[in-house]
Amino acid sequence: MDIPRKLGILIYSAVPAIVGGGIVYHFFDSFVQVVIFEILLVMAVLGIFSS
């Protein structure tokens, strides 16, 4: 996978990280669930990079 594609995937996954983190915090009022959500997103992005 070339560098521009990797950067595009990172930018594309940054929006759900920011918006999704806010939504998760709104519903659960705890940063623990936000951290879990962010870890799941990182694992998904790393899974895309490894394939």
PDB file of N, CA and C in Angstrom:
ATOM      1  N   MET A   1       0.855  -1.168   0.000  1.00  0.00           N
ATOM      2  CA  MET A   1       0.000   0.000   0.000  1.00  0.00           C
ATOM      3  C   MET A   1       0.908   1.240   0.000  1.00  0.00           C
ATOM      4  N   ASP A   2       0.601   2.198  -0.843  1.00  0.00           N
ATOM      5  CA  ASP A   2       1.443   3.381  -0.936  1.00  0.00           C
ATOM      6  C   ASP A   2       1.103   4.409   0.154  1.00  0.00           C
ATOM      7  N   ILE A   3       1.996   5.364   0.320  1.00  0.00           N
ATOM      8  CA  ILE A   3       1.878   6.356   1.393  1.00  0.00           C
ATOM      9  C   ILE A   3       0.605   7.208   1.282  1.00  0.00           C
ATOM     10  N   PRO A   4       0.250   7.730   0.105  1.00  0.00           N
ATOM     11  CA  PRO A   4      -0.982   8.537   0.050  1.00  0.00           C
ATOM     12  C   PRO A   4      -2.233   7.760   0.460  1.00  0.00           C
ATOM     13  N   ARG A   5      -2.275   6.491   0.112  1.00  0.00           N
ATOM     14  CA  ARG A   5      -3.437   5.687   0.510  1.00  0.00           C
ATOM     15  C   ARG A   5      -3.467   5.507   2.026  1.00  0.00           C
ATOM     16  N   LYS A   6      -2.317   5.253   2.638  1.00  0.00           N
ATOM     17  CA  LYS A   6      -2.253   5.113   4.097  1.00  0.00           C
ATOM     18  C   LYS A   6      -2.675   6.404   4.788  1.00  0.00           C
ATOM     19  N   LEU A   7      -2.217   7.535   4.279  1.00  0.00           N
ATOM     20  CA  LEU A   7      -2.612   8.819   4.865  1.00  0.00           C
ATOM     21  C   LEU A   7      -4.106   9.066   4.694  1.00  0.00           C
ATOM     22  N   GLY A   8      -4.654   8.672   3.555  1.00  0.00           N
ATOM     23  CA  GLY A   8      -6.093   8.810   3.342  1.00  0.00           C
ATOM     24  C   GLY A   8      -6.895   7.980   4.319  1.00  0.00           C
ATOM     25  N   ILE A   9      -6.434   6.763   4.588  1.00  0.00           N
ATOM     26  CA  ILE A   9      -7.120   5.903   5.553  1.00  0.00           C
ATOM     27  C   ILE A   9      -7.035   6.508   6.950  1.00  0.00           C
ATOM     28  N   LEU A  10      -5.891   7.058   7.313  1.00  0.00           N
ATOM     29  CA  LEU A  10      -5.751   7.686   8.628  1.00  0.00           C
ATOM     30  C   LEU A  10      -6.667   8.898   8.771  1.00  0.00           C
ATOM     31  N   ILE A  11      -6.756   9.715   7.727  1.00  0.00           N
ATOM     32  CA  ILE A  11      -7.653  10.874   7.783  1.00  0.00           C
ATOM     33  C   ILE A  11      -9.100  10.412   7.837  1.00  0.00           C
ATOM     34  N   TYR A  12      -9.424   9.401   7.042  1.00  0.00           N
ATOM     35  CA  TYR A  12     -10.793   8.875   7.012  1.00  0.00           C
ATOM     36  C   TYR A  12     -11.192   8.275   8.360  1.00  0.00           C
ATOM     37  N   SER A  13     -10.233   7.703   9.091  1.00  0.00           N
ATOM     38  CA  SER A  13     -10.543   7.110  10.390  1.00  0.00           C
ATOM     39  C   SER A  13     -10.446   8.127  11.531  1.00  0.00           C
ATOM     40  N   ALA A  14      -9.874   9.305  11.272  1.00  0.00           N
ATOM     41  CA  ALA A  14      -9.791  10.327  12.317  1.00  0.00           C
ATOM     42  C   ALA A  14     -11.152  10.948  12.599  1.00  0.00           C
ATOM     43  N   VAL A  15     -11.988  11.063  11.577  1.00  0.00           N
ATOM     44  CA  VAL A  15     -13.316  11.652  11.772  1.00  0.00           C
ATOM     45  C   VAL A  15     -14.165  10.784  12.700  1.00  0.00           C
ATOM     46  N   PRO A  16     -14.264   9.458  12.476  1.00  0.00           N
ATOM     47  CA  PRO A  16     -15.022   8.644  13.435  1.00  0.00           C
ATOM     48  C   PRO A  16     -14.403   8.645  14.830  1.00  0.00           C
ATOM     49  N   ALA A  17     -13.084   8.800  14.922  1.00  0.00           N
ATOM     50  CA  ALA A  17     -12.448   8.831  16.237  1.00  0.00           C
ATOM     51  C   ALA A  17     -12.890  10.060  17.019  1.00  0.00           C
ATOM     52  N   ILE A  18     -12.948  11.204  16.359  1.00  0.00           N
ATOM     53  CA  ILE A  18     -13.322  12.440  17.052  1.00  0.00           C
ATOM     54  C   ILE A  18     -14.821  12.477  17.319  1.00  0.00           C
ATOM     55  N   VAL A  19     -15.608  12.273  16.271  1.00  0.00           N
ATOM     56  CA  VAL A  19     -17.064  12.349  16.419  1.00  0.00           C
ATOM     57  C   VAL A  19     -17.581  11.182  17.253  1.00  0.00           C
ATOM     58  N   GLY A  20     -17.094   9.983  16.960  1.00  0.00           N
ATOM     59  CA  GLY A  20     -17.539   8.802  17.705  1.00  0.00           C
ATOM     60  C   GLY A  20     -17.149   8.864  19.166  1.00  0.00           C
ATOM     61  N   GLY A  21     -15.962   9.398  19.452  1.00  0.00           N
ATOM     62  CA  GLY A  21     -15.562   9.559  20.845  1.00  0.00           C
ATOM     63  C   GLY A  21     -16.494  10.487  21.600  1.00  0.00           C
ATOM     64  N   GLY A  22     -16.912  11.561  20.939  1.00  0.00           N
ATOM     65  CA  GLY A  22     -17.869  12.473  21.569  1.00  0.00           C
ATOM     66  C   GLY A  22     -19.224  11.827  21.800  1.00  0.00           C
ATOM     67  N   ILE A  23     -19.673  11.040  20.838  1.00  0.00           N
ATOM     68  CA  ILE A  23     -20.965  10.356  20.984  1.00  0.00           C
ATOM     69  C   ILE A  23     -20.900   9.326  22.102  1.00  0.00           C
ATOM     70  N   VAL A  24     -19.809   8.562  22.147  1.00  0.00           N
ATOM     71  CA  VAL A  24     -19.654   7.555  23.206  1.00  0.00           C
ATOM     72  C   VAL A  24     -19.610   8.236  24.569  1.00  0.00           C
ATOM     73  N   TYR A  25     -18.888   9.354  24.677  1.00  0.00           N
ATOM     74  CA  TYR A  25     -18.829  10.067  25.958  1.00  0.00           C
ATOM     75  C   TYR A  25     -20.197  10.626  26.341  1.00  0.00           C
ATOM     76  N   HIS A  26     -20.957  11.080  25.366  1.00  0.00           N
ATOM     77  CA  HIS A  26     -22.290  11.622  25.652  1.00  0.00           C
ATOM     78  C   HIS A  26     -23.195  10.548  26.246  1.00  0.00           C
ATOM     79  N   PHE A  27     -23.138   9.336  25.704  1.00  0.00           N
ATOM     80  CA  PHE A  27     -24.031   8.278  26.175  1.00  0.00           C
ATOM     81  C   PHE A  27     -23.565   7.634  27.478  1.00  0.00           C
ATOM     82  N   PHE A  28     -22.255   7.523  27.695  1.00  0.00           N
ATOM     83  CA  PHE A  28     -21.755   6.799  28.862  1.00  0.00           C
ATOM     84  C   PHE A  28     -21.165   7.700  29.947  1.00  0.00           C
ATOM     85  N   ASP A  29     -20.863   8.959  29.645  1.00  0.00           N
ATOM     86  CA  ASP A  29     -20.272   9.903  30.603  1.00  0.00           C
ATOM     87  C   ASP A  29     -19.038   9.345  31.302  1.00  0.00           C
ATOM     88  N   SER A  30     -18.211   8.641  30.549  1.00  0.00           N
ATOM     89  CA  SER A  30     -17.000   8.066  31.117  1.00  0.00           C
ATOM     90  C   SER A  30     -15.935   7.970  30.021  1.00  0.00           C
ATOM     91  N   PHE A  31     -14.713   8.316  30.386  1.00  0.00           N
ATOM     92  CA  PHE A  31     -13.641   8.231  29.408  1.00  0.00           C
ATOM     93  C   PHE A  31     -13.145   6.801  29.212  1.00  0.00           C
ATOM     94  N   VAL A  32     -13.499   5.890  30.096  1.00  0.00           N
ATOM     95  CA  VAL A  32     -13.079   4.497  29.938  1.00  0.00           C
ATOM     96  C   VAL A  32     -13.684   3.921  28.662  1.00  0.00           C
ATOM     97  N   GLN A  33     -14.965   4.158  28.440  1.00  0.00           N
ATOM     98  CA  GLN A  33     -15.611   3.664  27.227  1.00  0.00           C
ATOM     99  C   GLN A  33     -15.062   4.358  25.986  1.00  0.00           C
ATOM    100  N   VAL A  34     -14.690   5.628  26.119  1.00  0.00           N
ATOM    101  CA  VAL A  34     -14.101   6.344  24.983  1.00  0.00           C
ATOM    102  C   VAL A  34     -12.758   5.727  24.620  1.00  0.00           C
ATOM    103  N   VAL A  35     -11.951   5.403  25.626  1.00  0.00           N
ATOM    104  CA  VAL A  35     -10.652   4.777  25.376  1.00  0.00           C
ATOM    105  C   VAL A  35     -10.841   3.417  24.719  1.00  0.00           C
ATOM    106  N   ILE A  36     -11.813   2.646  25.179  1.00  0.00           N
ATOM    107  CA  ILE A  36     -12.095   1.344  24.567  1.00  0.00           C
ATOM    108  C   ILE A  36     -12.504   1.527  23.111  1.00  0.00           C
ATOM    109  N   PHE A  37     -13.355   2.512  22.836  1.00  0.00           N
ATOM    110  CA  PHE A  37     -13.783   2.799  21.465  1.00  0.00           C
ATOM    111  C   PHE A  37     -12.591   3.181  20.595  1.00  0.00           C
ATOM    112  N   GLU A  38     -11.703   4.014  21.128  1.00  0.00           N
ATOM    113  CA  GLU A  38     -10.527   4.438  20.367  1.00  0.00           C
ATOM    114  C   GLU A  38      -9.593   3.256  20.101  1.00  0.00           C
ATOM    115  N   ILE A  39      -9.430   2.375  21.069  1.00  0.00           N
ATOM    116  CA  ILE A  39      -8.588   1.192  20.879  1.00  0.00           C
ATOM    117  C   ILE A  39      -9.163   0.300  19.791  1.00  0.00           C
ATOM    118  N   LEU A  40     -10.483   0.134  19.771  1.00  0.00           N
ATOM    119  CA  LEU A  40     -11.114  -0.662  18.717  1.00  0.00           C
ATOM    120  C   LEU A  40     -10.890  -0.037  17.345  1.00  0.00           C
ATOM    121  N   LEU A  41     -10.957   1.281  17.260  1.00  0.00           N
ATOM    122  CA  LEU A  41     -10.693   1.943  15.983  1.00  0.00           C
ATOM    123  C   LEU A  41      -9.239   1.754  15.546  1.00  0.00           C
ATOM    124  N   VAL A  42      -8.315   1.860  16.481  1.00  0.00           N
ATOM    125  CA  VAL A  42      -6.899   1.661  16.149  1.00  0.00           C
ATOM    126  C   VAL A  42      -6.664   0.238  15.672  1.00  0.00           C
ATOM    127  N   MET A  43      -7.287  -0.727  16.333  1.00  0.00           N
ATOM    128  CA  MET A  43      -7.139  -2.120  15.905  1.00  0.00           C
ATOM    129  C   MET A  43      -7.709  -2.322  14.503  1.00  0.00           C
ATOM    130  N   ALA A  44      -8.820  -1.666  14.183  1.00  0.00           N
ATOM    131  CA  ALA A  44      -9.406  -1.780  12.847  1.00  0.00           C
ATOM    132  C   ALA A  44      -8.477  -1.176  11.795  1.00  0.00           C
ATOM    133  N   VAL A  45      -7.890  -0.024  12.101  1.00  0.00           N
ATOM    134  CA  VAL A  45      -6.977   0.610  11.147  1.00  0.00           C
ATOM    135  C   VAL A  45      -5.725  -0.232  10.961  1.00  0.00           C
ATOM    136  N   LEU A  46      -5.192  -0.774  12.038  1.00  0.00           N
ATOM    137  CA  LEU A  46      -4.012  -1.629  11.913  1.00  0.00           C
ATOM    138  C   LEU A  46      -4.334  -2.897  11.138  1.00  0.00           C
ATOM    139  N   GLY A  47      -5.552  -3.399  11.275  1.00  0.00           N
ATOM    140  CA  GLY A  47      -5.970  -4.560  10.489  1.00  0.00           C
ATOM    141  C   GLY A  47      -6.026  -4.233   9.009  1.00  0.00           C
ATOM    142  N   ILE A  48      -6.442  -3.024   8.670  1.00  0.00           N
ATOM    143  CA  ILE A  48      -6.471  -2.606   7.265  1.00  0.00           C
ATOM    144  C   ILE A  48      -5.048  -2.462   6.734  1.00  0.00           C
ATOM    145  N   PHE A  49      -4.147  -1.905   7.555  1.00  0.00           N
ATOM    146  CA  PHE A  49      -2.769  -1.722   7.116  1.00  0.00           C
ATOM    147  C   PHE A  49      -2.047  -3.048   6.919  1.00  0.00           C
ATOM    148  N   SER A  50      -2.362  -4.031   7.733  1.00  0.00           N
ATOM    149  CA  SER A  50      -1.640  -5.296   7.638  1.00  0.00           C
ATOM    150  C   SER A  50      -2.078  -6.124   6.438  1.00  0.00           C
ATOM    151  N   SER A  51      -3.269  -5.852   5.914  1.00  0.00           N
ATOM    152  CA  SER A  51      -3.728  -6.652   4.768  1.00  0.00           C
ATOM    153  C   SER A  51      -3.275  -6.086   3.448  1.00  0.00           C
TER     154      SER A  51
END
